[in-house]
């Protein structure tokens, strides 16, 4: 558990100084993982009378996203 925001900021500053941007952070030899690259992401916000806001972001390559409004 983290006591407060100051403790979190101090911990981050220490790690940022130890591993500057672009430097590899050491990992155990058994470490593995997955890289998730979304093709689309939908955000949904409920509203009264079931007239929900639904927005879908569709990846278009090169870091660009197209926004689509969907039916409630």
N, C-alpha and C. Protein backbone atom coordinates (compact mmCIF):
# COMPACT_ATOMS: atom_id res chain seq x y z
N UNK A 1 0.84 -1.17 0.00
CA UNK A 1 0.00 0.00 0.00
C UNK A 1 0.89 1.24 0.00
N UNK A 2 0.43 2.28 -0.65
CA UNK A 2 1.16 3.54 -0.73
C UNK A 2 0.49 4.53 0.22
N UNK A 3 1.29 5.16 1.06
CA UNK A 3 0.75 6.06 2.09
C UNK A 3 0.08 7.29 1.50
N UNK A 4 0.71 7.91 0.51
CA UNK A 4 0.15 9.13 -0.06
C UNK A 4 0.77 9.41 -1.43
N UNK A 5 0.33 10.47 -2.08
CA UNK A 5 0.81 10.82 -3.40
C UNK A 5 2.30 11.15 -3.39
N UNK A 6 2.78 11.78 -2.33
CA UNK A 6 4.19 12.15 -2.23
C UNK A 6 5.08 10.91 -2.28
N UNK A 7 4.66 9.83 -1.61
CA UNK A 7 5.43 8.58 -1.64
C UNK A 7 5.47 8.01 -3.06
N UNK A 8 4.34 8.04 -3.76
CA UNK A 8 4.29 7.55 -5.13
C UNK A 8 5.20 8.38 -6.04
N UNK A 9 5.14 9.71 -5.92
CA UNK A 9 5.98 10.59 -6.73
C UNK A 9 7.47 10.36 -6.46
N UNK A 10 7.84 10.17 -5.19
CA UNK A 10 9.23 9.94 -4.83
C UNK A 10 9.72 8.60 -5.40
N UNK A 11 8.88 7.59 -5.34
CA UNK A 11 9.25 6.28 -5.89
C UNK A 11 9.45 6.37 -7.40
N UNK A 12 8.56 7.07 -8.07
CA UNK A 12 8.68 7.23 -9.52
C UNK A 12 9.95 8.00 -9.88
N UNK A 13 10.23 9.07 -9.16
CA UNK A 13 11.43 9.88 -9.44
C UNK A 13 12.70 9.04 -9.27
N UNK A 14 12.74 8.19 -8.26
CA UNK A 14 13.90 7.33 -8.05
C UNK A 14 14.09 6.34 -9.20
N UNK A 15 13.00 5.75 -9.66
CA UNK A 15 13.08 4.79 -10.77
C UNK A 15 13.41 5.50 -12.09
N UNK A 16 12.86 6.69 -12.28
CA UNK A 16 13.15 7.45 -13.51
C UNK A 16 14.62 7.84 -13.57
N UNK A 17 15.23 8.13 -12.42
CA UNK A 17 16.66 8.47 -12.39
C UNK A 17 17.51 7.22 -12.62
N UNK A 18 17.05 6.10 -12.10
CA UNK A 18 17.81 4.85 -12.23
C UNK A 18 17.75 4.29 -13.66
N UNK A 19 16.60 4.44 -14.30
CA UNK A 19 16.40 3.93 -15.66
C UNK A 19 15.89 5.07 -16.55
N UNK A 20 16.79 5.89 -17.10
CA UNK A 20 16.37 7.01 -17.95
C UNK A 20 15.59 6.53 -19.17
N UNK A 21 14.84 7.43 -19.77
CA UNK A 21 14.02 7.13 -20.95
C UNK A 21 14.87 6.48 -22.03
N UNK A 22 14.38 5.36 -22.57
CA UNK A 22 15.09 4.65 -23.63
C UNK A 22 16.04 3.57 -23.14
N UNK A 23 16.33 3.54 -21.85
CA UNK A 23 17.22 2.51 -21.30
C UNK A 23 16.39 1.28 -20.94
N UNK A 24 16.92 0.10 -21.23
CA UNK A 24 16.22 -1.15 -20.91
C UNK A 24 16.15 -1.36 -19.40
N UNK A 25 14.99 -1.72 -18.93
CA UNK A 25 14.80 -2.09 -17.53
C UNK A 25 15.04 -3.60 -17.43
N UNK A 26 15.91 -4.06 -16.53
CA UNK A 26 16.19 -5.50 -16.45
C UNK A 26 14.96 -6.29 -16.03
N UNK A 27 14.83 -7.48 -16.61
CA UNK A 27 13.72 -8.38 -16.29
C UNK A 27 14.28 -9.76 -16.02
N UNK A 28 13.55 -10.59 -15.28
CA UNK A 28 14.01 -11.96 -15.03
C UNK A 28 14.07 -12.76 -16.33
N UNK A 29 14.93 -13.78 -16.39
CA UNK A 29 15.05 -14.56 -17.63
C UNK A 29 13.78 -15.30 -18.02
N UNK A 30 12.91 -15.58 -17.06
CA UNK A 30 11.67 -16.30 -17.35
C UNK A 30 10.52 -15.36 -17.72
N UNK A 31 10.80 -14.05 -17.78
CA UNK A 31 9.75 -13.07 -18.06
C UNK A 31 9.21 -13.23 -19.47
N UNK A 32 7.95 -13.02 -19.62
CA UNK A 32 7.30 -13.06 -20.92
C UNK A 32 6.11 -12.14 -20.90
N UNK A 33 5.43 -12.05 -21.97
CA UNK A 33 4.25 -11.19 -22.00
C UNK A 33 3.61 -11.20 -23.36
N UNK A 34 2.58 -10.41 -23.46
CA UNK A 34 1.84 -10.26 -24.70
C UNK A 34 1.75 -8.79 -25.04
N UNK A 35 1.77 -8.49 -26.31
CA UNK A 35 1.54 -7.13 -26.76
C UNK A 35 0.16 -7.10 -27.39
N UNK A 36 -0.72 -6.28 -26.85
CA UNK A 36 -2.07 -6.16 -27.35
C UNK A 36 -2.15 -4.92 -28.22
N UNK A 37 -2.52 -5.09 -29.48
CA UNK A 37 -2.64 -3.98 -30.41
C UNK A 37 -4.10 -3.93 -30.86
N UNK A 38 -4.89 -3.02 -30.29
CA UNK A 38 -6.31 -3.00 -30.62
C UNK A 38 -6.59 -2.48 -32.03
N UNK A 39 -7.57 -3.09 -32.67
CA UNK A 39 -8.04 -2.59 -33.96
C UNK A 39 -9.14 -1.56 -33.74
N UNK A 40 -9.88 -1.73 -32.63
CA UNK A 40 -10.91 -0.77 -32.27
C UNK A 40 -11.17 -0.84 -30.77
N UNK A 41 -11.68 0.27 -30.23
CA UNK A 41 -12.03 0.37 -28.82
C UNK A 41 -13.35 1.11 -28.73
N UNK A 42 -14.27 0.60 -27.91
CA UNK A 42 -15.56 1.26 -27.74
C UNK A 42 -15.71 1.79 -26.33
N UNK A 43 -16.20 3.02 -26.23
CA UNK A 43 -16.51 3.63 -24.94
C UNK A 43 -18.03 3.81 -24.87
N UNK A 44 -18.59 3.49 -23.73
CA UNK A 44 -20.03 3.50 -23.55
C UNK A 44 -20.34 4.24 -22.27
N UNK A 45 -21.32 5.17 -22.33
CA UNK A 45 -21.76 5.88 -21.13
C UNK A 45 -23.28 5.83 -21.10
N UNK A 46 -23.83 5.25 -20.03
CA UNK A 46 -25.27 5.14 -19.91
C UNK A 46 -25.92 6.49 -19.65
N UNK A 47 -27.09 6.69 -20.23
CA UNK A 47 -27.86 7.91 -20.03
C UNK A 47 -29.31 7.55 -19.80
N UNK A 48 -30.10 8.52 -19.39
CA UNK A 48 -31.52 8.29 -19.16
C UNK A 48 -32.22 7.85 -20.44
N UNK A 49 -33.31 7.16 -20.29
CA UNK A 49 -34.15 6.71 -21.40
C UNK A 49 -33.41 5.83 -22.39
N UNK A 50 -32.34 5.21 -21.95
CA UNK A 50 -31.54 4.30 -22.77
C UNK A 50 -30.93 4.97 -24.01
N UNK A 51 -30.80 6.31 -23.97
CA UNK A 51 -30.14 7.04 -25.05
C UNK A 51 -28.67 7.15 -24.73
N UNK A 52 -28.00 6.01 -24.67
CA UNK A 52 -26.61 5.92 -24.25
C UNK A 52 -25.68 6.55 -25.29
N UNK A 53 -24.57 7.05 -24.82
CA UNK A 53 -23.51 7.52 -25.71
C UNK A 53 -22.57 6.36 -25.96
N UNK A 54 -22.37 6.00 -27.23
CA UNK A 54 -21.44 4.94 -27.61
C UNK A 54 -20.52 5.49 -28.69
N UNK A 55 -19.24 5.48 -28.42
CA UNK A 55 -18.24 5.93 -29.38
C UNK A 55 -17.26 4.80 -29.63
N UNK A 56 -16.98 4.54 -30.90
CA UNK A 56 -15.99 3.53 -31.26
C UNK A 56 -14.83 4.23 -31.95
N UNK A 57 -13.62 3.93 -31.47
CA UNK A 57 -12.39 4.45 -32.07
C UNK A 57 -11.78 3.31 -32.88
N UNK A 58 -11.54 3.56 -34.16
CA UNK A 58 -11.01 2.54 -35.07
C UNK A 58 -9.62 2.97 -35.52
N UNK A 59 -8.63 2.10 -35.30
CA UNK A 59 -7.24 2.40 -35.69
C UNK A 59 -7.14 2.46 -37.20
N UNK A 60 -6.49 3.52 -37.70
CA UNK A 60 -6.32 3.68 -39.14
C UNK A 60 -4.87 3.60 -39.57
N UNK A 61 -3.98 3.28 -38.65
CA UNK A 61 -2.56 3.20 -38.98
C UNK A 61 -1.86 4.53 -38.79
N UNK A 62 -0.58 4.46 -38.53
CA UNK A 62 0.20 5.68 -38.33
C UNK A 62 -0.18 6.44 -37.08
N UNK A 63 -0.85 5.78 -36.15
CA UNK A 63 -1.23 6.43 -34.90
C UNK A 63 -2.55 7.19 -34.98
N UNK A 64 -3.21 7.17 -36.13
CA UNK A 64 -4.48 7.89 -36.29
C UNK A 64 -5.65 6.99 -35.90
N UNK A 65 -6.70 7.60 -35.36
CA UNK A 65 -7.92 6.90 -34.98
C UNK A 65 -9.12 7.61 -35.59
N UNK A 66 -10.06 6.84 -36.11
CA UNK A 66 -11.32 7.37 -36.63
C UNK A 66 -12.38 7.17 -35.54
N UNK A 67 -13.20 8.20 -35.28
CA UNK A 67 -14.24 8.11 -34.24
C UNK A 67 -15.58 7.91 -34.91
N UNK A 68 -16.33 6.90 -34.44
CA UNK A 68 -17.66 6.61 -34.96
C UNK A 68 -18.66 6.66 -33.82
N UNK A 69 -19.79 7.33 -34.04
CA UNK A 69 -20.88 7.31 -33.05
C UNK A 69 -21.78 6.14 -33.40
N UNK A 70 -22.10 5.31 -32.42
CA UNK A 70 -22.92 4.12 -32.62
C UNK A 70 -24.32 4.34 -32.07
N UNK A 71 -25.27 3.58 -32.55
CA UNK A 71 -26.64 3.65 -32.06
C UNK A 71 -26.69 3.17 -30.61
N UNK A 72 -27.58 3.79 -29.81
CA UNK A 72 -27.66 3.37 -28.40
C UNK A 72 -28.01 1.91 -28.31
